[in-house]
Amino acid sequence: MSLLTICIISCDGKDGADGVDGINGAAGPAGDNGEDGNANVNTYVYDLSSESGSSIPVDLPDLTQSVIDNDLIIGYLQNGAGSGTYYPVPASVWPNGTGGFYDIAVDIAVGKYWVHFYQVGTQTFMDVTSVELGKLKIVIAESTNTTTGKSGKESIRESLKSAGVDINDYYAVMDYFGLDY
């Protein structure tokens, strides 16, 4: 008679050690670069063509104390000739578009941006008429780095300068930040 023996082998439920990782595969092709954004740059446009006087205030609620202390604020004023040319403000000898010139000063305070007009070379206020003014554009570039010991304004100005952008050139600044004219 034959004897049949059955062996039962049991497992205790434990997995063995993981094997060695295999080599990495070849890298895939690089994707397309996305378009640079301007999430930290805002432009505010004011039509001053109906304004007159020697000081023109503009309400700008986004001018907080933090923005004033840290961010870059640049103003550009279009003369009333409708030429489309924007001049940086403050400015010395701003052409008003009707053959005259002014010196322009700017005051910035929480919630307000003032444009002041002076007789060239003096500190005597001069009234402008609505015919002489076009649009005022104010660009605020938010500071992203204030840890260098410099203010955010200086950091942004240096970045623009390093990129070869003249902040007095309205179109160069708009192009740099990808903003509409």
N, C-alpha and C. Protein backbone atom coordinates (compact mmCIF):
# COMPACT_ATOMS: atom_id res chain seq x y z
N MET A 1 0.83 -1.16 0.00
CA MET A 1 0.00 0.00 0.00
C MET A 1 0.88 1.23 0.00
N SER A 2 0.48 2.20 -0.65
CA SER A 2 1.31 3.37 -0.69
C SER A 2 0.81 4.41 0.30
N LEU A 3 1.75 5.08 0.72
CA LEU A 3 1.46 6.09 1.75
C LEU A 3 1.51 7.46 1.08
N LEU A 4 0.49 8.13 1.23
CA LEU A 4 0.40 9.47 0.64
C LEU A 4 0.60 10.47 1.76
N THR A 5 1.57 11.34 1.56
CA THR A 5 1.86 12.35 2.57
C THR A 5 1.57 13.72 1.96
N ILE A 6 0.85 14.45 2.69
CA ILE A 6 0.52 15.81 2.23
C ILE A 6 1.21 16.79 3.17
N CYS A 7 1.93 17.66 2.55
CA CYS A 7 2.61 18.72 3.32
C CYS A 7 1.88 20.02 3.10
N ILE A 8 1.64 20.66 4.14
CA ILE A 8 0.99 21.97 4.06
C ILE A 8 2.00 23.01 4.51
N ILE A 9 2.24 23.95 3.64
CA ILE A 9 3.16 25.04 3.96
C ILE A 9 2.30 26.27 4.16
N SER A 10 2.50 26.95 5.25
CA SER A 10 1.69 28.13 5.51
C SER A 10 2.56 29.38 5.48
N CYS A 11 1.91 30.48 5.19
CA CYS A 11 2.59 31.78 5.19
C CYS A 11 2.11 32.54 6.40
N ASP A 12 2.98 33.35 6.95
CA ASP A 12 2.59 34.11 8.14
C ASP A 12 2.08 35.50 7.78
N GLY A 13 1.87 35.83 6.51
CA GLY A 13 1.30 37.12 6.09
C GLY A 13 2.32 38.23 5.92
N LYS A 14 3.59 37.94 6.07
CA LYS A 14 4.60 38.99 5.91
C LYS A 14 5.12 38.98 4.50
N ASP A 15 5.31 40.28 3.95
CA ASP A 15 5.90 40.41 2.62
C ASP A 15 7.41 40.36 2.76
N GLY A 16 8.04 40.00 1.71
CA GLY A 16 9.50 40.03 1.71
C GLY A 16 10.00 41.44 1.51
N ALA A 17 11.27 41.66 1.57
CA ALA A 17 11.89 42.98 1.39
C ALA A 17 11.68 43.45 -0.04
N ASP A 18 11.50 44.79 -0.20
CA ASP A 18 11.35 45.35 -1.54
C ASP A 18 12.63 45.13 -2.32
N GLY A 19 12.45 44.98 -3.60
CA GLY A 19 13.60 44.84 -4.48
C GLY A 19 14.25 46.18 -4.76
N VAL A 20 15.38 46.16 -5.40
CA VAL A 20 16.11 47.38 -5.75
C VAL A 20 15.34 48.11 -6.85
N ASP A 21 15.25 49.47 -6.74
CA ASP A 21 14.58 50.26 -7.77
C ASP A 21 15.31 50.10 -9.09
N GLY A 22 14.52 50.11 -10.15
CA GLY A 22 15.12 50.05 -11.49
C GLY A 22 15.65 51.41 -11.90
N ILE A 23 16.35 51.46 -13.02
CA ILE A 23 16.91 52.73 -13.49
C ILE A 23 15.78 53.58 -14.06
N ASN A 24 15.97 54.91 -13.97
CA ASN A 24 14.96 55.84 -14.48
C ASN A 24 14.94 55.80 -16.00
N GLY A 25 13.75 56.04 -16.54
CA GLY A 25 13.61 56.12 -17.98
C GLY A 25 14.10 57.45 -18.51
N ALA A 26 14.14 57.58 -19.82
CA ALA A 26 14.59 58.82 -20.46
C ALA A 26 13.59 59.94 -20.15
N ALA A 27 14.12 61.16 -20.02
CA ALA A 27 13.26 62.33 -19.76
C ALA A 27 12.40 62.61 -20.98
N GLY A 28 11.19 63.06 -20.73
CA GLY A 28 10.29 63.42 -21.82
C GLY A 28 10.64 64.79 -22.37
N PRO A 29 10.01 65.17 -23.47
CA PRO A 29 10.31 66.49 -24.05
C PRO A 29 9.84 67.61 -23.13
N ALA A 30 10.55 68.74 -23.19
CA ALA A 30 10.19 69.91 -22.38
C ALA A 30 8.89 70.50 -22.91
N GLY A 31 8.05 70.98 -22.01
CA GLY A 31 6.81 71.62 -22.39
C GLY A 31 7.04 73.06 -22.81
N ASP A 32 6.03 73.66 -23.41
CA ASP A 32 6.12 75.06 -23.81
C ASP A 32 6.09 75.95 -22.57
N ASN A 33 6.88 77.04 -22.61
CA ASN A 33 6.84 78.01 -21.53
C ASN A 33 5.53 78.76 -21.60
N GLY A 34 4.95 79.00 -20.44
CA GLY A 34 3.72 79.78 -20.38
C GLY A 34 4.02 81.26 -20.51
N GLU A 35 2.97 82.02 -20.74
CA GLU A 35 3.11 83.47 -20.86
C GLU A 35 3.36 84.06 -19.48
N ASP A 36 4.30 85.02 -19.41
CA ASP A 36 4.57 85.69 -18.14
C ASP A 36 3.32 86.44 -17.70
N GLY A 37 3.04 86.40 -16.43
CA GLY A 37 1.87 87.08 -15.91
C GLY A 37 2.21 88.44 -15.33
N ASN A 38 1.21 89.20 -14.99
CA ASN A 38 1.40 90.50 -14.36
C ASN A 38 0.47 90.63 -13.17
N ALA A 39 0.31 89.53 -12.45
CA ALA A 39 -0.63 89.51 -11.34
C ALA A 39 -0.27 90.52 -10.25
N ASN A 40 0.99 90.90 -10.18
CA ASN A 40 1.42 91.81 -9.13
C ASN A 40 1.60 93.24 -9.64
N VAL A 41 1.09 93.52 -10.81
CA VAL A 41 1.19 94.86 -11.39
C VAL A 41 -0.20 95.31 -11.82
N ASN A 42 -0.59 96.50 -11.39
CA ASN A 42 -1.90 97.04 -11.76
C ASN A 42 -1.73 98.41 -12.37
N THR A 43 -2.58 98.71 -13.34
CA THR A 43 -2.61 100.03 -13.97
C THR A 43 -3.96 100.66 -13.70
N TYR A 44 -3.94 101.91 -13.29
CA TYR A 44 -5.15 102.67 -13.01
C TYR A 44 -5.19 103.83 -14.00
N VAL A 45 -6.30 103.98 -14.71
CA VAL A 45 -6.41 104.99 -15.76
C VAL A 45 -7.49 105.99 -15.37
N TYR A 46 -7.13 107.27 -15.47
CA TYR A 46 -8.07 108.35 -15.15
C TYR A 46 -8.11 109.32 -16.32
N ASP A 47 -9.29 109.64 -16.77
CA ASP A 47 -9.46 110.63 -17.83
C ASP A 47 -9.51 112.01 -17.18
N LEU A 48 -8.48 112.80 -17.42
CA LEU A 48 -8.41 114.15 -16.83
C LEU A 48 -8.82 115.23 -17.84
N SER A 49 -9.33 114.80 -19.00
CA SER A 49 -9.63 115.76 -20.05
C SER A 49 -10.72 116.77 -19.68
N SER A 50 -11.46 116.54 -18.62
CA SER A 50 -12.46 117.52 -18.19
C SER A 50 -12.03 118.25 -16.92
N GLU A 51 -10.79 118.03 -16.50
CA GLU A 51 -10.27 118.65 -15.27
C GLU A 51 -9.53 119.95 -15.60
N SER A 52 -9.48 120.84 -14.62
CA SER A 52 -8.70 122.07 -14.75
C SER A 52 -8.26 122.50 -13.35
N GLY A 53 -7.31 123.42 -13.32
CA GLY A 53 -6.81 123.92 -12.05
C GLY A 53 -5.32 123.66 -11.90
N SER A 54 -4.77 124.07 -10.77
CA SER A 54 -3.33 123.90 -10.55
C SER A 54 -3.00 122.62 -9.80
N SER A 55 -3.97 122.05 -9.12
CA SER A 55 -3.78 120.78 -8.42
C SER A 55 -4.99 119.89 -8.69
N ILE A 56 -4.71 118.71 -9.19
CA ILE A 56 -5.81 117.79 -9.52
C ILE A 56 -5.65 116.53 -8.68
N PRO A 57 -6.61 116.31 -7.76
CA PRO A 57 -6.55 115.10 -6.94
C PRO A 57 -7.26 113.94 -7.63
N VAL A 58 -6.72 112.75 -7.42
CA VAL A 58 -7.33 111.53 -7.94
C VAL A 58 -7.50 110.57 -6.78
N ASP A 59 -8.71 110.04 -6.63
CA ASP A 59 -8.95 109.03 -5.60
C ASP A 59 -8.42 107.68 -6.08
N LEU A 60 -7.58 107.07 -5.26
CA LEU A 60 -7.01 105.76 -5.59
C LEU A 60 -6.99 104.91 -4.32
N PRO A 61 -8.11 104.23 -4.03
CA PRO A 61 -8.23 103.46 -2.78
C PRO A 61 -7.13 102.41 -2.58
N ASP A 62 -6.54 101.91 -3.67
CA ASP A 62 -5.49 100.90 -3.54
C ASP A 62 -4.16 101.47 -3.04
N LEU A 63 -4.08 102.79 -2.89
CA LEU A 63 -2.87 103.39 -2.32
C LEU A 63 -2.96 103.29 -0.80
N THR A 64 -2.56 102.17 -0.29
CA THR A 64 -2.53 101.97 1.16
C THR A 64 -1.16 102.37 1.68
N GLN A 65 -1.01 102.44 2.98
CA GLN A 65 0.29 102.78 3.55
C GLN A 65 1.33 101.72 3.18
N SER A 66 0.93 100.47 3.15
CA SER A 66 1.85 99.40 2.77
C SER A 66 2.32 99.56 1.32
N VAL A 67 1.41 99.90 0.43
CA VAL A 67 1.77 100.13 -0.98
C VAL A 67 2.73 101.31 -1.07
N ILE A 68 2.44 102.39 -0.38
CA ILE A 68 3.30 103.57 -0.42
C ILE A 68 4.69 103.25 0.12
N ASP A 69 4.75 102.47 1.20
CA ASP A 69 6.03 102.14 1.83
C ASP A 69 6.86 101.14 1.04
N ASN A 70 6.20 100.22 0.31
CA ASN A 70 6.94 99.10 -0.26
C ASN A 70 6.93 98.96 -1.77
N ASP A 71 5.89 99.41 -2.42
CA ASP A 71 5.72 99.12 -3.84
C ASP A 71 6.17 100.27 -4.73
N LEU A 72 6.40 99.95 -5.99
CA LEU A 72 6.80 100.95 -6.98
C LEU A 72 5.54 101.60 -7.55
N ILE A 73 5.48 102.92 -7.50
CA ILE A 73 4.34 103.68 -8.01
C ILE A 73 4.88 104.64 -9.07
N ILE A 74 4.42 104.45 -10.30
CA ILE A 74 4.90 105.30 -11.41
C ILE A 74 3.68 105.94 -12.07
N GLY A 75 3.76 107.25 -12.34
CA GLY A 75 2.67 107.94 -13.01
C GLY A 75 3.09 108.42 -14.39
N TYR A 76 2.14 108.43 -15.31
CA TYR A 76 2.35 108.92 -16.67
C TYR A 76 1.16 109.78 -17.04
N LEU A 77 1.42 110.94 -17.65
CA LEU A 77 0.36 111.86 -18.03
C LEU A 77 0.41 112.11 -19.53
N GLN A 78 -0.74 111.96 -20.15
CA GLN A 78 -0.87 112.22 -21.58
C GLN A 78 -1.29 113.67 -21.75
N ASN A 79 -0.64 114.35 -22.71
CA ASN A 79 -1.08 115.72 -22.92
C ASN A 79 -2.36 115.73 -23.72
N GLY A 80 -3.04 116.86 -23.70
CA GLY A 80 -4.36 116.99 -24.31
C GLY A 80 -4.37 116.99 -25.82
N ALA A 81 -3.21 116.95 -26.43
CA ALA A 81 -3.17 116.94 -27.88
C ALA A 81 -3.67 115.62 -28.44
N GLY A 82 -3.88 114.63 -27.55
CA GLY A 82 -4.36 113.33 -28.00
C GLY A 82 -3.32 112.58 -28.80
N SER A 83 -2.07 112.93 -28.58
CA SER A 83 -0.99 112.33 -29.35
C SER A 83 -0.74 110.88 -28.99
N GLY A 84 -1.26 110.46 -27.85
CA GLY A 84 -0.97 109.11 -27.40
C GLY A 84 0.35 109.02 -26.67
N THR A 85 1.08 110.13 -26.61
CA THR A 85 2.36 110.14 -25.91
C THR A 85 2.13 110.37 -24.43
N TYR A 86 2.73 109.51 -23.63
CA TYR A 86 2.64 109.63 -22.18
C TYR A 86 3.99 110.06 -21.64
N TYR A 87 3.96 111.04 -20.74
CA TYR A 87 5.17 111.57 -20.12
C TYR A 87 5.19 111.17 -18.65
N PRO A 88 6.36 110.81 -18.14
CA PRO A 88 6.42 110.44 -16.72
C PRO A 88 6.17 111.65 -15.84
N VAL A 89 5.49 111.44 -14.74
CA VAL A 89 5.30 112.50 -13.75
C VAL A 89 5.77 111.96 -12.40
N PRO A 90 6.43 112.76 -11.60
CA PRO A 90 6.68 114.19 -11.80
C PRO A 90 7.58 114.44 -13.01
N ALA A 91 7.51 115.66 -13.52
CA ALA A 91 8.27 116.01 -14.73
C ALA A 91 8.68 117.47 -14.68
N SER A 92 9.81 117.70 -15.27
CA SER A 92 10.25 119.07 -15.46
C SER A 92 10.04 119.40 -16.92
N VAL A 93 9.37 120.48 -17.19
CA VAL A 93 9.07 120.95 -18.53
C VAL A 93 8.22 119.93 -19.30
N TRP A 94 6.98 119.77 -18.85
CA TRP A 94 6.02 118.89 -19.50
C TRP A 94 5.30 119.65 -20.60
N PRO A 95 5.30 119.12 -21.83
CA PRO A 95 4.58 119.81 -22.92
C PRO A 95 3.09 119.55 -22.80
N ASN A 96 2.31 120.60 -22.72
CA ASN A 96 0.88 120.44 -22.48
C ASN A 96 0.07 120.14 -23.72
N GLY A 97 0.70 120.12 -24.88
CA GLY A 97 -0.02 119.79 -26.11
C GLY A 97 -0.62 120.98 -26.80
N THR A 98 -0.57 122.15 -26.17
CA THR A 98 -1.10 123.37 -26.81
C THR A 98 -0.01 124.42 -26.98
N GLY A 99 1.24 123.99 -26.93
CA GLY A 99 2.36 124.91 -27.13
C GLY A 99 2.97 125.43 -25.85
N GLY A 100 2.40 125.12 -24.70
CA GLY A 100 2.94 125.57 -23.43
C GLY A 100 3.63 124.45 -22.68
N PHE A 101 4.24 124.84 -21.59
CA PHE A 101 4.96 123.87 -20.76
C PHE A 101 4.68 124.11 -19.29
N TYR A 102 4.78 123.05 -18.52
CA TYR A 102 4.62 123.11 -17.07
C TYR A 102 5.68 122.24 -16.42
N ASP A 103 5.97 122.54 -15.18
CA ASP A 103 6.66 121.60 -14.32
C ASP A 103 5.55 120.91 -13.53
N ILE A 104 5.71 119.61 -13.31
CA ILE A 104 4.67 118.86 -12.62
C ILE A 104 5.26 118.16 -11.41
N ALA A 105 4.58 118.31 -10.29
CA ALA A 105 4.94 117.59 -9.06
C ALA A 105 3.80 116.63 -8.74
N VAL A 106 4.12 115.61 -7.97
CA VAL A 106 3.14 114.61 -7.58
C VAL A 106 3.22 114.42 -6.07
N ASP A 107 2.07 114.35 -5.43
CA ASP A 107 1.99 113.98 -4.02
C ASP A 107 1.20 112.70 -3.93
N ILE A 108 1.67 111.80 -3.08
CA ILE A 108 0.99 110.52 -2.88
C ILE A 108 0.70 110.38 -1.39
N ALA A 109 -0.54 110.04 -1.08
CA ALA A 109 -0.95 109.79 0.30
C ALA A 109 -1.93 108.62 0.28
N VAL A 110 -2.27 108.11 1.43
CA VAL A 110 -3.19 106.98 1.50
C VAL A 110 -4.49 107.36 0.78
N GLY A 111 -4.81 106.62 -0.27
CA GLY A 111 -6.05 106.82 -1.02
C GLY A 111 -6.06 107.98 -1.99
N LYS A 112 -4.97 108.76 -2.09
CA LYS A 112 -4.96 109.95 -2.96
C LYS A 112 -3.67 110.05 -3.77
N TYR A 113 -3.82 110.56 -4.98
CA TYR A 113 -2.70 110.85 -5.87
C TYR A 113 -2.98 112.24 -6.45
N TRP A 114 -2.12 113.21 -6.15
CA TRP A 114 -2.31 114.58 -6.62
C TRP A 114 -1.29 114.90 -7.70
N VAL A 115 -1.76 115.64 -8.70
CA VAL A 115 -0.88 116.16 -9.74
C VAL A 115 -0.92 117.69 -9.63
N HIS A 116 0.26 118.31 -9.45
CA HIS A 116 0.36 119.77 -9.28
C HIS A 116 1.10 120.37 -10.47
N PHE A 117 0.61 121.49 -10.97
CA PHE A 117 1.20 122.16 -12.13
C PHE A 117 1.81 123.49 -11.70
N TYR A 118 3.05 123.72 -12.16
CA TYR A 118 3.80 124.93 -11.81
C TYR A 118 4.32 125.62 -13.06
N GLN A 119 4.52 126.94 -12.92
CA GLN A 119 5.20 127.69 -13.97
C GLN A 119 6.62 127.12 -14.05
N VAL A 120 7.11 126.92 -15.28
CA VAL A 120 8.42 126.30 -15.49
C VAL A 120 9.50 127.06 -14.72
N GLY A 121 10.30 126.30 -13.96
CA GLY A 121 11.43 126.86 -13.24
C GLY A 121 11.08 127.61 -11.98
N THR A 122 9.82 127.60 -11.58
CA THR A 122 9.41 128.32 -10.37
C THR A 122 8.59 127.37 -9.50
N GLN A 123 8.19 127.88 -8.38
CA GLN A 123 7.26 127.12 -7.55
C GLN A 123 5.92 127.84 -7.48
N THR A 124 5.60 128.52 -8.57
CA THR A 124 4.35 129.25 -8.67
C THR A 124 3.32 128.35 -9.37
N PHE A 125 2.22 128.08 -8.67
CA PHE A 125 1.17 127.25 -9.26
C PHE A 125 0.65 127.89 -10.54
N MET A 126 0.33 127.05 -11.52
CA MET A 126 -0.29 127.52 -12.77
C MET A 126 -1.50 126.65 -13.05
N ASP A 127 -2.58 127.28 -13.42
CA ASP A 127 -3.78 126.53 -13.76
C ASP A 127 -3.66 125.92 -15.15
N VAL A 128 -4.12 124.68 -15.28
CA VAL A 128 -4.23 124.04 -16.57
C VAL A 128 -5.71 124.02 -16.94
N THR A 129 -5.98 123.92 -18.21
CA THR A 129 -7.36 123.84 -18.67
C THR A 129 -7.63 122.41 -19.13
N SER A 130 -8.88 122.08 -19.26
CA SER A 130 -9.26 120.72 -19.66
C SER A 130 -8.72 120.37 -21.05
N VAL A 131 -8.48 121.37 -21.88
CA VAL A 131 -7.95 121.13 -23.23
C VAL A 131 -6.53 120.59 -23.17
N GLU A 132 -5.81 120.91 -22.10
CA GLU A 132 -4.39 120.55 -22.02
C GLU A 132 -4.14 119.14 -21.49
N LEU A 133 -5.14 118.52 -20.91
CA LEU A 133 -4.92 117.24 -20.25
C LEU A 133 -5.58 116.08 -20.99
N GLY A 134 -4.93 114.93 -20.91
CA GLY A 134 -5.49 113.69 -21.45
C GLY A 134 -5.69 112.71 -20.31
N LYS A 135 -5.14 111.52 -20.45
CA LYS A 135 -5.28 110.49 -19.43
C LYS A 135 -4.09 110.48 -18.48
N LEU A 136 -4.37 110.12 -17.25
CA LEU A 136 -3.35 109.86 -16.25
C LEU A 136 -3.35 108.36 -16.01
N LYS A 137 -2.18 107.75 -16.14
CA LYS A 137 -2.05 106.31 -15.86
C LYS A 137 -1.07 106.15 -14.71
N ILE A 138 -1.52 105.40 -13.72
CA ILE A 138 -0.69 105.12 -12.54
C ILE A 138 -0.44 103.62 -12.52
N VAL A 139 0.83 103.25 -12.48
CA VAL A 139 1.22 101.84 -12.45
C VAL A 139 1.75 101.54 -11.05
N ILE A 140 1.20 100.50 -10.43
CA ILE A 140 1.70 100.06 -9.12
C ILE A 140 2.21 98.63 -9.29
N ALA A 141 3.52 98.47 -9.05
CA ALA A 141 4.15 97.15 -9.12
C ALA A 141 4.41 96.69 -7.70
N GLU A 142 3.74 95.61 -7.31
CA GLU A 142 3.86 95.09 -5.96
C GLU A 142 5.26 94.52 -5.71
N SER A 143 5.81 94.87 -4.59
CA SER A 143 7.11 94.36 -4.21
C SER A 143 6.97 92.89 -3.83
N THR A 144 7.91 92.08 -4.31
CA THR A 144 7.90 90.67 -3.94
C THR A 144 9.11 90.32 -3.09
N ASN A 145 9.98 91.30 -2.84
CA ASN A 145 11.19 90.99 -2.08
C ASN A 145 11.59 92.19 -1.25
N THR A 146 11.39 92.11 0.05
CA THR A 146 11.83 93.19 0.93
C THR A 146 12.83 92.67 1.95
N THR A 147 13.42 91.50 1.67
CA THR A 147 14.36 90.90 2.62
C THR A 147 15.80 91.28 2.35
N THR A 148 16.07 92.04 1.30
CA THR A 148 17.44 92.37 0.95
C THR A 148 17.95 93.58 1.72
N GLY A 149 17.13 94.16 2.55
CA GLY A 149 17.53 95.37 3.26
C GLY A 149 17.18 96.61 2.48
N LYS A 150 16.74 96.45 1.25
CA LYS A 150 16.31 97.58 0.43
C LYS A 150 14.80 97.58 0.41
N SER A 151 14.24 98.73 0.10
CA SER A 151 12.78 98.76 -0.01
C SER A 151 12.37 98.02 -1.27
N GLY A 152 11.13 97.61 -1.31
CA GLY A 152 10.61 96.94 -2.48
C GLY A 152 10.70 97.81 -3.72
N LYS A 153 10.51 99.13 -3.54
CA LYS A 153 10.59 100.05 -4.67
C LYS A 153 11.97 99.99 -5.31
N GLU A 154 13.01 100.02 -4.47
CA GLU A 154 14.37 99.98 -5.00
C GLU A 154 14.63 98.66 -5.70
N SER A 155 14.14 97.58 -5.15
CA SER A 155 14.32 96.26 -5.74
C SER A 155 13.67 96.20 -7.12
N ILE A 156 12.45 96.70 -7.25
CA ILE A 156 11.76 96.68 -8.54
C ILE A 156 12.46 97.62 -9.52
N ARG A 157 12.84 98.80 -9.06
CA ARG A 157 13.56 99.73 -9.94
C ARG A 157 14.85 99.09 -10.46
N GLU A 158 15.58 98.39 -9.58
CA GLU A 158 16.82 97.73 -9.99
C GLU A 158 16.53 96.61 -10.99
N SER A 159 15.44 95.89 -10.79
CA SER A 159 15.06 94.83 -11.74
C SER A 159 14.78 95.43 -13.12
N LEU A 160 14.04 96.54 -13.13
CA LEU A 160 13.75 97.21 -14.40
C LEU A 160 15.04 97.70 -15.05
N LYS A 161 15.90 98.30 -14.26
CA LYS A 161 17.17 98.81 -14.79
C LYS A 161 18.02 97.67 -15.33
N SER A 162 18.10 96.55 -14.59
CA SER A 162 18.88 95.39 -15.04
C SER A 162 18.34 94.84 -16.35
N ALA A 163 17.04 94.94 -16.55
CA ALA A 163 16.42 94.45 -17.78
C ALA A 163 16.53 95.48 -18.91
N GLY A 164 17.15 96.63 -18.63
CA GLY A 164 17.31 97.66 -19.64
C GLY A 164 16.07 98.49 -19.87
N VAL A 165 15.18 98.53 -18.89
CA VAL A 165 13.93 99.29 -19.03
C VAL A 165 14.08 100.66 -18.39
N ASP A 166 13.83 101.70 -19.17
CA ASP A 166 13.85 103.07 -18.68
C ASP A 166 12.47 103.39 -18.12
N ILE A 167 12.37 103.61 -16.80
CA ILE A 167 11.04 103.83 -16.21
C ILE A 167 10.42 105.14 -16.68
N ASN A 168 11.19 106.00 -17.30
CA ASN A 168 10.63 107.22 -17.87
C ASN A 168 9.95 106.97 -19.21
N ASP A 169 10.17 105.80 -19.78
CA ASP A 169 9.57 105.43 -21.06
C ASP A 169 8.31 104.61 -20.78
N TYR A 170 7.18 105.26 -20.90
CA TYR A 170 5.89 104.64 -20.61
C TYR A 170 5.72 103.31 -21.35
N TYR A 171 6.01 103.31 -22.64
CA TYR A 171 5.78 102.12 -23.46
C TYR A 171 6.73 100.99 -23.06
N ALA A 172 7.95 101.30 -22.70
CA ALA A 172 8.90 100.27 -22.26
C ALA A 172 8.42 99.61 -20.96
N VAL A 173 7.90 100.40 -20.04
CA VAL A 173 7.40 99.86 -18.78
C VAL A 173 6.17 98.98 -19.03
N MET A 174 5.24 99.46 -19.86
CA MET A 174 4.05 98.68 -20.17
C MET A 174 4.43 97.36 -20.83
N ASP A 175 5.38 97.41 -21.77
CA ASP A 175 5.83 96.19 -22.44
C ASP A 175 6.48 95.23 -21.46
N TYR A 176 7.31 95.75 -20.58
CA TYR A 176 8.01 94.90 -19.61
C TYR A 176 7.03 94.13 -18.73
N PHE A 177 5.99 94.81 -18.26
CA PHE A 177 5.01 94.17 -17.40
C PHE A 177 3.88 93.47 -18.17
N GLY A 178 3.90 93.59 -19.52
CA GLY A 178 2.87 92.94 -20.32
C GLY A 178 1.51 93.59 -20.17
N LEU A 179 1.50 94.92 -20.01
CA LEU A 179 0.24 95.65 -19.80
C LEU A 179 -0.17 96.36 -21.08
N ASP A 180 -1.47 96.56 -21.24
CA ASP A 180 -2.00 97.28 -22.40
C ASP A 180 -1.63 98.75 -22.31
N TYR A 181 -1.45 99.36 -23.48
CA TYR A 181 -1.17 100.80 -23.52
C TYR A 181 -2.43 101.55 -23.19
